Each structure stands twice: as C-alpha cells, then as structure tokens.
Amino acid sequence: MSKRVLRSCLLGIVAVLLLTKLIHSEAVFAREHLPEQQVLIVRYVDRNQLADLANRYDVVEVDAETQTVRIFSNQITRDALAAEGFTWMVDVPYTALINTEVKPLAGQTSGIPGFPCYRTIAEIYTSAETLAQNYPNLVELIDIGDSWEKTQNSNAGWDMEVLLLTNKSIAATLKSDAMFISGIHAREWAPPELNLRLAEYLLANYETDADIKWLLDYNRVHLVLSTNPDSRLQDEANQSWLWRKNTNNNYCPGGTGQNGRGADLNRNYPFMWAGGSSQCYSTYPGPSAGSEPETDAITDYARSIFPDQKGSNPSDPVDEITATGMFIDLHSYSELVLWPWGYTYNNAPNHASLRAMSYKFAYYNGYSPEKSSGLYLTRGSTDDWAYGELGVPGFCIEVGDSFHQNCNTFESEINPDNQQALLRAIKIARRPYRLTHGPEVTNLSVDPASVDPGQTIVVHYTADDTRYSIPGFLDRPKRILTCSLRCRCTAVHSNSPPTD
C-alpha cells in the first residue's frame, strides 16, 4: 500500500471518529454546516489551467491521473471559483482534519500542542543558541537580517539566522558549501525540525563518526531553520489558519491564514519573478521581485557564500567540471524531489545532471524525483533562483504527506530517510555536477578492523544502482554488486583534505 493511499485510509478513520463525536454532540457535520475552512477537490482540463489554479489558489495536492487538485479554501476562494464556473467536491475527511482543535497531550510541556516532536519557533531559536554555546569550535550563529515584523518594531519579530556548522580550525580554502533552508511556508512543521535534527546529529557524532568528522572538517553547512518566523508563530497559535505567506500587513491588510495578508516568499525570489495576482491570493508574490526582508536576507547571504557560476542568459549552462555548492529548500508535503526549471516546461541547460542529483536524493528518501514544472509552473521560487542566478544546483524536497505531519511518521520515516539524503547532498557539494554520477556504495567494512602500515586488509562493499539511474539510461539493467577488494595499507592518514 502506498503512503498516499495509507494516508487516505487514515484520514477516513479520523473522519469517522470526528463525525461520530460531532453527531453525538448534535453538531451534525453536513454540507450546510461545513466550517469556513474547507478542502475542495477541483477538476482541471489541462496543464495550463492547472498552472493558473496553482498561481491564484492554495493548491496543496495534484493528482495527474484524475486531473484533480485539492485546494484549501475559505468563502472568498469558493466565491471566486464559482464565478469562474468551477464546481467541486468537499474532501470531508481532510476538512475535518484541518478543523480539529489541537490541545497539548497529557503531560506535554514543550513542543507544539499535540505535536511534541516539533519545537515551537521560540524553542527552535533557543536550541540553535544552545548548540552554538555547546560546540563553540563547530558552530557559529549568524544574524543575516530581520523578519518583516522586526523591520516594523525592533522589539517584535525575529532575527533571520543561519546556523553555520564547520570545524573552524580547518582552513577555509579547503571547504565546500551546502545551504539548506526550511519553514518558508509557516504551516509546514516538519522541515524546520528536520533541519535542526540534522545539525544535532552532525554535532553529536562529530567525535565518534569518521564520516561526520570529515563532513564538518571540509564542508560548511549553512542551515536557515526558519525562513518565515513571524508566520510560524501565527500558525502555532491557530493551526486551522494554515498560514503560508509572511505577515506583511501592507498586502491584503488585516487578513489571516491562506487568503490573508502577506506575500508568498517562495514566489518572491528575484529570478523569473512575475506579479499581477491579487494581494489576498495565497501565492501573492509581492509587489516586486525580492521585495520582502526575509527574501533579501537569504539571497544576500547565499550570494556571499556561493560564487556566481551562471551566465546572465537562462540558457547558459554551468561548467560542470568546476561548479561547486548545493542549495536545498525543505518543504512539505508530497514526497517529491523537485529540480529546475519550475518557471517553464523547457529543460534547464544542466538538466541531465540536475535530474541525476534528484535521483541520488530519492535513492535515500524514497520520494519521486520530478522536474518542478512537471508538478505545475511556479515563478520566483528558491530553487530556480539558486540555479538560475548562481549556477548552484537548487532543489525543493517536499517531505511527508501532511503540513502538520503526525509525530510517528516524522520520527520513523521523514527524519531518518531525509537525513541520509541531506548527508549525501553535503558530500557532493564540492563538485556536485560531477560527484552525483555513479552507484551508491554502502555496507563498507574492513577485515581486520585495524591494521598497521604494510599490512593487507580486505575492504567489503556493496555498489547499488537499483534506484539511481543516469538520465538517458533509465531502461538499463539495475544491479547490486557485493564486492571485496584486497589492498595493502601503505600509510595511515587522518583529516585528509578532499581531492578531485
């Protein structure tokens, strides 16, 4: 059974329980008594109409087989859809789920009420500060700007922060850079926690895991745990708002939630930006490219750590021999690994290698790799910007199958599976377009476990390409090779710098 089918079954069970409770309380959940916030199932006729719907409404799921989308809606949305001639069905189980009041679990003293696996925005910032204090040689906390609320009132809002992980005693000239951002849409709770858990894993294992030690000795890992902290605070306070945009009250003033105030930060980046939509749309891109302080903070910082490796023309390819860096924007949900372009159906000039990288990440998290525009067209997105302006391979990983993912799924699937994908992203950041190719080598072991120079050892490993395939050769046979290699140890090395 697929995860999506399983989620549908679970939603059905939740709906039955909720409906039973509502009926017993004489609050019948009939169509005429549906709540304000509803999930609609709307049919589209072709990809152009899909792109138009996604550009103006809060499309949260796309089912290409049935040519339907699920849209989060309020009365404004439904009136607009009706005026355009659309009809719809209400997804009653999903509607019930997003309108369920969430309360703290018995004995819960931290985390989001009912979801103890997710730290609140205040706890995320505190955790980052604690890591910087506990690992002074490996962690630097960098203030790169202010959230919108803080630009209005220095005593409100939040600093935009980067949690930088690296061994400060190793020369910077030897290092590569990987940047992972999360929380750009406030309602997506799993990505910031995933990002923070990655930091904690790297730091906790630095002294005992040679692989992790190498990663932090010869790479810089730049984590923006919350790219939209003002709205995250709002979403924690009222989960049914399902807040997507930032809280800029200059647009659709006074509104809340998905059709309320603010700009969609993942439509505000200064590459192939397009305006023109209503301020109250959930995907309103702002009045101009890069207009929002949160966007400005991220783009300025990324430009400071990555060299510009891309020509000014979108069709200019990146030099795959010398290009460096990695950029991943963590989102939820849909279990996808998306690569550029998102703004056009045409392929990016480095399409083959970008696709290969997405297959590499999907090898670990089990998600579906797909070109961004294969889902629907988007303009002004983070991954298109990173690749289109700087030439850094940019990806959007959509984790899980819910915005407010249950903790069991997060702990057992989302965190462990995506952690491995992110570790792989750090490993190939030095020369991503080159190092992505080839099978995955796993199950490494040596016999004997330790040797002196001059002694012979046998290295055992598995070379696995069952999931990963070089684009253009997707039909070639998939192989798992279990191999042993006998070699003589001529010297004992530690902390060796990376080489090509």
Protein backbone atom coordinates (compact mmCIF):
# COMPACT_ATOMS: atom_id res chain seq x y z
CA MET A 1 0.00 0.00 0.00
CA SER A 2 1.42 3.41 -0.98
CA LYS A 3 1.91 6.12 1.60
CA ARG A 4 -0.67 8.30 -0.15
CA VAL A 5 -3.28 5.52 -0.10
CA LEU A 6 -2.42 4.82 3.52
CA ARG A 7 -2.89 8.50 4.35
CA SER A 8 -6.30 8.45 2.68
CA CYS A 9 -7.29 5.44 4.78
CA LEU A 10 -6.09 7.12 7.95
CA LEU A 11 -7.95 10.30 7.05
CA GLY A 12 -11.08 8.22 6.59
CA ILE A 13 -10.69 6.68 10.04
CA VAL A 14 -10.09 10.11 11.57
CA ALA A 15 -13.18 11.44 9.79
CA VAL A 16 -15.37 8.62 11.09
CA LEU A 17 -14.23 9.27 14.65
CA LEU A 18 -14.74 13.01 14.27
CA LEU A 19 -18.14 12.65 12.65
CA THR A 20 -19.28 10.27 15.40
CA LYS A 21 -18.21 12.76 18.01
CA LEU A 22 -19.94 15.63 16.20
CA ILE A 23 -23.18 13.69 15.77
CA HIS A 24 -23.24 12.74 19.46
CA SER A 25 -22.84 16.42 20.33
CA GLU A 26 -25.73 17.30 17.99
CA ALA A 27 -23.43 19.35 15.76
CA VAL A 28 -24.05 17.49 12.52
CA PHE A 29 -21.18 17.91 10.02
CA ALA A 30 -23.47 18.20 6.98
CA ARG A 31 -22.73 20.20 3.84
CA GLU A 32 -24.84 23.13 5.02
CA HIS A 33 -22.84 23.20 8.26
CA LEU A 34 -19.36 22.82 6.83
CA PRO A 35 -16.76 25.03 8.52
CA GLU A 36 -15.29 28.14 6.92
CA GLN A 37 -12.01 26.42 6.06
CA GLN A 38 -12.68 23.61 3.57
CA VAL A 39 -10.58 21.35 1.34
CA LEU A 40 -12.02 21.26 -2.19
CA ILE A 41 -11.44 18.70 -4.93
CA VAL A 42 -11.46 20.58 -8.23
CA ARG A 43 -11.01 19.13 -11.72
CA TYR A 44 -8.71 20.84 -14.25
CA VAL A 45 -8.71 20.29 -18.02
CA ASP A 46 -5.03 20.71 -18.95
CA ARG A 47 -1.68 21.82 -17.57
CA ASN A 48 -2.32 25.46 -18.47
CA GLN A 49 -5.46 25.52 -16.35
CA LEU A 50 -3.56 23.70 -13.59
CA ALA A 51 -0.83 26.34 -13.67
CA ASP A 52 -3.47 29.08 -13.48
CA LEU A 53 -5.16 27.46 -10.48
CA ALA A 54 -1.82 26.99 -8.72
CA ASN A 55 -0.89 30.60 -9.41
CA ARG A 56 -4.01 32.01 -7.76
CA TYR A 57 -5.23 29.46 -5.22
CA ASP A 58 -3.81 27.36 -2.42
CA VAL A 59 -3.29 24.12 -4.34
CA VAL A 60 -1.96 21.55 -1.88
CA GLU A 61 -2.20 18.32 -3.90
CA VAL A 62 -2.16 17.46 -7.60
CA ASP A 63 -3.44 14.12 -8.91
CA ALA A 64 -2.36 13.91 -12.54
CA GLU A 65 -4.19 10.63 -13.11
CA THR A 66 -7.62 12.05 -12.26
CA GLN A 67 -6.69 15.62 -13.28
CA THR A 68 -7.85 17.00 -9.96
CA VAL A 69 -6.34 19.26 -7.35
CA ARG A 70 -7.06 19.76 -3.68
CA ILE A 71 -7.41 23.41 -2.73
CA PHE A 72 -7.53 24.91 0.75
CA SER A 73 -10.38 27.39 0.66
CA ASN A 74 -12.43 29.92 2.56
CA GLN A 75 -15.56 31.67 1.34
CA ILE A 76 -13.55 34.16 -0.73
CA THR A 77 -11.91 31.28 -2.58
CA ARG A 78 -15.17 29.46 -3.17
CA ASP A 79 -16.91 32.58 -4.46
CA ALA A 80 -14.05 33.21 -6.91
CA LEU A 81 -14.05 29.61 -8.16
CA ALA A 82 -17.82 29.66 -8.61
CA ALA A 83 -17.64 32.92 -10.56
CA GLU A 84 -15.20 31.24 -12.94
CA GLY A 85 -17.56 28.30 -13.49
CA PHE A 86 -15.72 25.70 -11.43
CA THR A 87 -17.60 23.07 -9.46
CA TRP A 88 -16.10 20.95 -6.71
CA MET A 89 -16.49 18.26 -4.11
CA VAL A 90 -15.57 18.87 -0.48
CA ASP A 91 -12.95 16.47 0.87
CA VAL A 92 -14.82 15.90 4.12
CA PRO A 93 -12.14 13.86 5.95
CA TYR A 94 -9.41 16.37 5.12
CA THR A 95 -11.71 19.27 6.01
CA ALA A 96 -12.46 17.65 9.36
CA LEU A 97 -8.77 17.15 9.98
CA ILE A 98 -7.71 20.75 9.39
CA ASN A 99 -10.56 21.99 11.60
CA THR A 100 -9.76 19.72 14.54
CA GLU A 101 -8.83 21.61 17.67
CA VAL A 102 -5.36 20.61 18.81
CA LYS A 103 -4.56 20.51 22.51
CA PRO A 104 -1.42 19.53 24.42
CA LEU A 105 -1.03 15.84 25.08
CA ALA A 106 -1.26 14.63 28.65
CA GLY A 107 1.88 15.82 30.41
CA GLN A 108 3.20 17.74 27.41
CA THR A 109 5.37 20.66 28.49
CA SER A 110 7.23 21.53 25.29
CA GLY A 111 6.74 21.50 21.55
CA ILE A 112 3.67 22.46 19.54
CA PRO A 113 0.47 21.42 21.39
CA GLY A 114 -0.43 17.89 20.34
CA PHE A 115 2.80 17.57 18.35
CA PRO A 116 5.67 17.23 20.84
CA CYS A 117 8.18 16.23 18.14
CA TYR A 118 8.08 19.76 16.68
CA ARG A 119 9.72 22.54 18.63
CA THR A 120 7.94 25.90 18.68
CA ILE A 121 9.59 28.80 16.93
CA ALA A 122 10.88 30.09 20.28
CA GLU A 123 12.28 26.64 21.09
CA ILE A 124 13.95 26.42 17.67
CA TYR A 125 15.82 29.67 18.30
CA THR A 126 16.76 28.58 21.82
CA SER A 127 18.04 25.23 20.53
CA ALA A 128 20.23 26.98 17.95
CA GLU A 129 21.70 29.22 20.66
CA THR A 130 22.38 26.19 22.85
CA LEU A 131 24.23 24.41 20.04
CA ALA A 132 26.40 27.49 19.47
CA GLN A 133 27.25 27.57 23.18
CA ASN A 134 27.95 23.83 23.48
CA TYR A 135 30.05 23.49 20.31
CA PRO A 136 32.00 26.75 20.00
CA ASN A 137 34.57 25.30 17.58
CA LEU A 138 31.95 23.80 15.28
CA VAL A 139 29.00 26.23 15.36
CA GLU A 140 28.53 29.88 14.52
CA LEU A 141 25.15 31.61 14.75
CA ILE A 142 24.95 34.41 12.17
CA ASP A 143 22.35 37.20 12.09
CA ILE A 144 21.65 37.87 8.40
CA GLY A 145 18.68 40.23 8.65
CA ASP A 146 15.25 40.80 10.17
CA SER A 147 11.80 39.34 9.68
CA TRP A 148 9.10 41.72 8.47
CA GLU A 149 7.67 42.25 11.97
CA LYS A 150 11.10 43.22 13.28
CA THR A 151 11.59 45.76 10.49
CA GLN A 152 8.45 47.45 11.84
CA ASN A 153 9.27 47.15 15.53
CA SER A 154 12.72 46.26 16.85
CA ASN A 155 11.11 44.75 19.95
CA ALA A 156 8.93 42.38 17.89
CA GLY A 157 9.62 39.80 15.21
CA TRP A 158 12.77 37.76 14.82
CA ASP A 159 16.33 37.85 13.58
CA MET A 160 16.90 35.88 10.40
CA GLU A 161 19.61 33.45 11.49
CA VAL A 162 21.99 31.00 9.86
CA LEU A 163 23.30 28.10 11.89
CA LEU A 164 26.75 27.54 10.37
CA LEU A 165 28.41 24.19 11.07
CA THR A 166 32.09 23.60 10.31
CA ASN A 167 35.39 22.93 12.05
CA LYS A 168 36.69 26.47 12.49
CA SER A 169 40.29 25.30 12.86
CA ILE A 170 40.49 23.94 9.29
CA ALA A 171 41.49 26.44 6.61
CA ALA A 172 38.50 27.88 4.78
CA THR A 173 40.15 27.49 1.36
CA LEU A 174 39.66 23.71 1.53
CA LYS A 175 35.93 23.84 2.15
CA SER A 176 32.73 23.49 0.17
CA ASP A 177 29.33 24.97 0.96
CA ALA A 178 25.88 23.41 1.31
CA MET A 179 22.88 25.57 2.26
CA PHE A 180 19.58 24.11 3.48
CA ILE A 181 16.63 26.39 4.26
CA SER A 182 13.27 25.47 5.78
CA GLY A 183 10.00 26.91 7.02
CA ILE A 184 9.43 29.32 4.13
CA HIS A 185 5.73 28.36 4.41
CA ALA A 186 4.85 28.59 8.09
CA ARG A 187 2.33 25.73 8.16
CA GLU A 188 4.97 23.22 7.11
CA TRP A 189 6.11 21.97 10.51
CA ALA A 190 8.37 19.04 9.62
CA PRO A 191 11.07 20.86 7.56
CA PRO A 192 12.46 23.15 10.33
CA GLU A 193 12.60 20.24 12.76
CA LEU A 194 14.31 18.09 10.13
CA ASN A 195 16.89 20.82 9.54
CA LEU A 196 17.53 21.24 13.27
CA ARG A 197 17.76 17.47 13.82
CA LEU A 198 20.39 17.33 11.06
CA ALA A 199 22.50 19.88 12.93
CA GLU A 200 22.16 17.98 16.19
CA TYR A 201 23.08 14.69 14.50
CA LEU A 202 26.21 16.13 12.88
CA LEU A 203 27.42 17.71 16.10
CA ALA A 204 26.62 14.77 18.37
CA ASN A 205 28.53 12.35 16.12
CA TYR A 206 31.48 14.54 15.15
CA GLU A 207 33.93 12.99 17.60
CA THR A 208 32.92 9.35 17.06
CA ASP A 209 32.00 9.02 13.37
CA ALA A 210 34.85 9.47 10.89
CA ASP A 211 32.42 10.23 8.07
CA ILE A 212 30.73 13.03 10.01
CA LYS A 213 34.08 14.39 11.12
CA TRP A 214 35.21 14.64 7.51
CA LEU A 215 31.96 16.37 6.55
CA LEU A 216 32.41 19.16 9.10
CA ASP A 217 36.16 19.42 8.64
CA TYR A 218 35.94 20.03 4.89
CA ASN A 219 32.48 21.49 4.36
CA ARG A 220 30.46 24.41 5.63
CA VAL A 221 26.82 23.54 6.29
CA HIS A 222 24.59 26.64 6.34
CA LEU A 223 21.16 26.00 7.89
CA VAL A 224 18.34 28.55 7.94
CA LEU A 225 15.99 26.82 10.33
CA SER A 226 13.09 29.23 9.92
CA THR A 227 12.83 31.30 6.76
CA ASN A 228 9.44 32.75 7.80
CA PRO A 229 9.45 33.00 11.61
CA ASP A 230 6.69 35.63 12.02
CA SER A 231 4.09 33.44 10.34
CA ARG A 232 5.30 30.28 12.08
CA LEU A 233 4.34 31.95 15.35
CA GLN A 234 0.89 32.68 13.92
CA ASP A 235 0.40 29.14 12.65
CA GLU A 236 1.35 27.62 16.01
CA ALA A 237 -1.27 29.81 17.67
CA ASN A 238 -4.12 28.72 15.39
CA GLN A 239 -3.45 25.61 13.34
CA SER A 240 -6.63 25.96 11.27
CA TRP A 241 -5.25 29.12 9.66
CA LEU A 242 -2.59 27.02 7.89
CA TRP A 243 -0.52 30.14 7.30
CA ARG A 244 1.56 30.16 4.11
CA LYS A 245 2.70 33.73 3.46
CA ASN A 246 4.69 36.14 5.61
CA THR A 247 2.83 38.65 7.79
CA ASN A 248 3.45 41.85 5.81
CA ASN A 249 0.32 43.87 6.55
CA ASN A 250 0.84 46.13 3.54
CA TYR A 251 -0.76 43.44 1.36
CA CYS A 252 -4.36 42.37 2.00
CA PRO A 253 -4.23 44.21 5.35
CA GLY A 254 -5.93 42.63 8.32
CA GLY A 255 -6.28 39.22 6.72
CA THR A 256 -5.19 35.93 8.29
CA GLY A 257 -4.32 32.49 7.01
CA GLN A 258 -4.01 31.26 3.45
CA ASN A 259 -6.07 34.06 1.86
CA GLY A 260 -4.91 36.73 4.26
CA ARG A 261 -2.18 39.31 4.49
CA GLY A 262 1.40 38.93 3.38
CA ALA A 263 3.45 37.72 0.42
CA ASP A 264 4.30 34.17 -0.59
CA LEU A 265 8.06 34.14 -0.04
CA ASN A 266 8.50 31.20 -2.42
CA ARG A 267 7.17 33.36 -5.25
CA ASN A 268 9.18 36.44 -4.26
CA TYR A 269 12.71 35.42 -5.29
CA PRO A 270 14.39 37.58 -7.96
CA PHE A 271 14.54 35.08 -10.82
CA MET A 272 11.73 34.89 -13.38
CA TRP A 273 9.51 36.70 -10.88
CA ALA A 274 6.01 37.53 -12.10
CA GLY A 275 3.48 39.82 -10.45
CA GLY A 276 -0.10 40.71 -11.20
CA SER A 277 -2.06 38.46 -8.85
CA SER A 278 -4.37 39.71 -6.10
CA GLN A 279 -2.84 40.60 -2.74
CA CYS A 280 -5.22 38.23 -0.97
CA TYR A 281 -4.25 35.19 -3.06
CA SER A 282 -2.25 32.60 -1.15
CA THR A 283 0.51 32.80 -3.78
CA TYR A 284 0.72 36.61 -3.98
CA PRO A 285 4.39 37.19 -4.98
CA GLY A 286 4.76 40.67 -3.52
CA PRO A 287 4.83 43.97 -5.42
CA SER A 288 8.30 43.34 -6.88
CA ALA A 289 10.99 40.70 -7.01
CA GLY A 290 12.83 40.38 -3.69
CA SER A 291 10.54 42.92 -2.01
CA GLU A 292 10.39 41.09 1.32
CA PRO A 293 13.07 41.38 4.02
CA GLU A 294 13.12 37.62 4.53
CA THR A 295 13.90 37.08 0.83
CA ASP A 296 16.51 39.82 0.90
CA ALA A 297 18.30 38.22 3.86
CA ILE A 298 18.51 34.78 2.21
CA THR A 299 19.59 35.99 -1.24
CA ASP A 300 22.26 38.33 0.15
CA TYR A 301 23.70 35.57 2.31
CA ALA A 302 23.67 32.98 -0.48
CA ARG A 303 25.48 35.41 -2.79
CA SER A 304 28.13 35.86 -0.10
CA ILE A 305 28.96 32.15 0.16
CA PHE A 306 28.49 30.86 -3.40
CA PRO A 307 30.45 32.12 -6.42
CA ASP A 308 28.44 33.27 -9.41
CA GLN A 309 28.83 30.34 -11.82
CA LYS A 310 25.96 31.08 -14.21
CA GLY A 311 25.73 33.34 -17.24
CA SER A 312 23.05 36.02 -17.42
CA ASN A 313 21.04 34.11 -20.04
CA PRO A 314 18.85 31.32 -18.62
CA SER A 315 20.08 29.05 -21.43
CA ASP A 316 23.73 29.45 -20.35
CA PRO A 317 24.97 26.15 -18.90
CA VAL A 318 27.06 25.83 -15.76
CA ASP A 319 30.60 24.47 -16.16
CA GLU A 320 30.07 21.07 -14.59
CA ILE A 321 33.80 20.44 -14.11
CA THR A 322 34.42 23.38 -11.78
CA ALA A 323 31.00 24.32 -10.35
CA THR A 324 30.54 23.98 -6.61
CA GLY A 325 27.86 24.31 -3.92
CA MET A 326 24.47 22.86 -3.02
CA PHE A 327 21.15 24.54 -2.20
CA ILE A 328 18.07 22.71 -0.91
CA ASP A 329 14.76 24.23 0.19
CA LEU A 330 12.90 21.83 2.51
CA HIS A 331 9.11 21.89 2.19
CA SER A 332 6.10 19.73 2.94
CA TYR A 333 4.28 17.91 1.59
CA SER A 334 4.03 15.43 -1.38
CA GLU A 335 7.10 13.15 -1.10
CA LEU A 336 8.85 14.70 -4.09
CA VAL A 337 12.36 15.76 -5.06
CA LEU A 338 11.99 18.69 -7.47
CA TRP A 339 14.69 20.20 -9.69
CA PRO A 340 14.71 23.28 -12.01
CA TRP A 341 13.11 24.62 -14.04
CA GLY A 342 9.86 25.50 -12.34
CA TYR A 343 9.04 28.58 -14.39
CA THR A 344 8.97 26.84 -17.79
CA TYR A 345 8.31 23.41 -19.24
CA ASN A 346 11.65 23.63 -21.06
CA ASN A 347 14.65 21.82 -19.60
CA ALA A 348 17.39 23.67 -17.77
CA PRO A 349 20.76 23.71 -19.58
CA ASN A 350 22.22 21.32 -16.96
CA HIS A 351 19.05 19.25 -16.89
CA ALA A 352 20.73 15.83 -17.08
CA SER A 353 22.93 16.37 -14.03
CA LEU A 354 20.21 18.10 -12.02
CA ARG A 355 17.98 15.15 -12.73
CA ALA A 356 20.74 12.74 -11.74
CA MET A 357 21.15 14.54 -8.40
CA SER A 358 17.44 14.31 -7.72
CA TYR A 359 17.58 10.56 -8.34
CA LYS A 360 20.52 10.39 -5.94
CA PHE A 361 18.49 12.04 -3.16
CA ALA A 362 15.43 9.95 -3.98
CA TYR A 363 17.58 6.84 -3.59
CA TYR A 364 17.67 7.64 0.13
CA ASN A 365 14.29 9.14 0.98
CA GLY A 366 12.22 7.00 -1.39
CA TYR A 367 10.44 10.02 -2.90
CA SER A 368 9.54 10.62 -6.54
CA PRO A 369 12.06 12.76 -8.47
CA GLU A 370 10.40 15.23 -10.82
CA LYS A 371 11.16 18.44 -12.69
CA SER A 372 9.44 21.28 -10.83
CA SER A 373 7.27 22.35 -13.77
CA GLY A 374 6.10 18.76 -14.10
CA LEU A 375 4.03 19.44 -10.99
CA TYR A 376 2.89 22.91 -12.07
CA LEU A 377 4.53 26.16 -13.16
CA THR A 378 5.99 28.43 -10.49
CA ARG A 379 7.85 31.72 -10.75
CA GLY A 380 10.12 33.40 -8.25
CA SER A 381 10.91 30.16 -6.38
CA THR A 382 14.03 29.48 -4.32
CA ASP A 383 15.43 26.55 -6.28
CA ASP A 384 15.07 28.26 -9.66
CA TRP A 385 16.79 31.33 -8.20
CA ALA A 386 19.76 29.42 -6.74
CA TYR A 387 20.43 27.66 -10.03
CA GLY A 388 19.30 30.43 -12.38
CA GLU A 389 21.32 33.22 -10.80
CA LEU A 390 24.30 31.48 -9.19
CA GLY A 391 24.53 28.14 -11.00
CA VAL A 392 24.30 26.27 -7.71
CA PRO A 393 22.17 23.12 -8.08
CA GLY A 394 18.89 24.02 -6.40
CA PHE A 395 16.27 21.57 -5.19
CA CYS A 396 12.96 21.55 -3.39
CA ILE A 397 12.36 18.44 -1.29
CA GLU A 398 8.71 18.03 -0.31
CA VAL A 399 8.74 15.82 2.79
CA GLY A 400 5.89 13.70 4.13
CA ASP A 401 2.20 13.73 3.26
CA SER A 402 0.77 16.43 5.53
CA PHE A 403 1.51 20.00 6.58
CA HIS A 404 1.06 19.17 10.28
CA GLN A 405 2.58 15.71 9.97
CA ASN A 406 1.94 13.30 12.84
CA CYS A 407 4.94 12.65 15.05
CA ASN A 408 5.07 8.90 14.43
CA THR A 409 5.61 9.44 10.71
CA PHE A 410 8.15 12.18 11.32
CA GLU A 411 10.23 10.10 13.73
CA SER A 412 10.07 6.79 11.84
CA GLU A 413 10.25 7.99 8.21
CA ILE A 414 10.74 11.68 7.48
CA ASN A 415 13.71 12.36 9.74
CA PRO A 416 15.81 9.20 9.18
CA ASP A 417 15.16 8.93 5.45
CA ASN A 418 15.74 12.59 4.59
CA GLN A 419 18.70 12.86 6.91
CA GLN A 420 20.56 10.42 4.67
CA ALA A 421 19.59 12.38 1.57
CA LEU A 422 20.89 15.62 3.11
CA LEU A 423 24.15 13.99 4.17
CA ARG A 424 24.63 12.88 0.57
CA ALA A 425 23.97 16.45 -0.58
CA ILE A 426 26.75 17.73 1.71
CA LYS A 427 29.16 15.06 0.46
CA ILE A 428 28.78 16.04 -3.20
CA ALA A 429 28.69 19.83 -2.64
CA ARG A 430 32.36 20.20 -3.59
CA ARG A 431 31.73 19.21 -7.23
CA PRO A 432 28.01 18.38 -7.35
CA TYR A 433 27.61 18.02 -11.10
CA ARG A 434 30.49 15.54 -11.26
CA LEU A 435 30.19 13.63 -8.00
CA THR A 436 26.50 12.80 -8.37
CA HIS A 437 27.09 10.17 -11.05
CA GLY A 438 27.63 6.50 -10.31
CA PRO A 439 26.08 3.90 -7.99
CA GLU A 440 25.78 4.24 -4.24
CA VAL A 441 28.47 2.42 -2.27
CA THR A 442 27.11 1.08 1.02
CA ASN A 443 27.82 -1.55 3.69
CA LEU A 444 31.51 -0.70 3.89
CA SER A 445 33.60 -2.86 6.21
CA VAL A 446 37.24 -3.89 6.53
CA ASP A 447 38.90 -7.09 7.67
CA PRO A 448 40.71 -6.84 10.01
CA ALA A 449 39.19 -3.78 11.67
CA SER A 450 42.56 -2.09 12.25
CA VAL A 451 45.96 -2.52 10.63
CA ASP A 452 49.47 -1.10 10.69
CA PRO A 453 51.23 0.26 7.59
CA GLY A 454 52.39 -2.59 5.36
CA GLN A 455 49.65 -4.99 6.35
CA THR A 456 46.95 -6.28 3.98
CA ILE A 457 43.29 -5.54 4.50
CA VAL A 458 40.15 -6.63 2.68
CA VAL A 459 37.50 -3.96 2.03
CA HIS A 460 33.93 -5.24 1.58
CA TYR A 461 31.25 -3.06 -0.01
CA THR A 462 28.01 -3.04 -1.96
CA ALA A 463 27.58 -0.98 -5.15
CA ASP A 464 23.86 -0.38 -5.60
CA ASP A 465 22.15 1.30 -8.56
CA THR A 466 18.68 -0.20 -8.17
CA ARG A 467 17.07 3.22 -7.62
CA TYR A 468 19.58 5.63 -9.06
CA SER A 469 19.91 5.73 -12.86
CA ILE A 470 21.85 8.03 -15.13
CA PRO A 471 19.30 10.06 -17.13
CA GLY A 472 19.02 8.72 -20.65
CA PHE A 473 19.65 5.18 -19.49
CA LEU A 474 16.59 4.62 -17.34
CA ASP A 475 15.86 1.28 -19.00
CA ARG A 476 19.28 -0.24 -18.47
CA PRO A 477 19.51 -3.22 -16.08
CA LYS A 478 19.69 -2.33 -12.40
CA ARG A 479 22.41 -4.08 -10.42
CA ILE A 480 23.55 -4.71 -6.88
CA LEU A 481 27.18 -5.81 -6.72
CA THR A 482 28.64 -7.10 -3.47
CA CYS A 483 32.40 -6.87 -3.76
CA SER A 484 35.62 -7.34 -1.84
CA LEU A 485 38.87 -5.52 -2.53
CA ARG A 486 42.22 -6.66 -1.15
CA CYS A 487 44.79 -3.92 -0.69
CA ARG A 488 47.93 -3.09 1.27
CA CYS A 489 47.93 -0.22 3.75
CA THR A 490 50.95 1.94 2.94
CA ALA A 491 50.26 4.79 5.39
CA VAL A 492 47.77 5.86 8.00
CA HIS A 493 46.05 9.13 7.11
CA SER A 494 43.63 11.30 9.08
CA ASN A 495 41.94 14.57 8.24
CA SER A 496 42.93 14.30 4.61
CA PRO A 497 41.64 17.23 2.53
CA PRO A 498 39.31 16.46 -0.37
CA THR A 499 40.82 15.97 -3.80
CA ASP A 500 39.39 15.65 -7.29
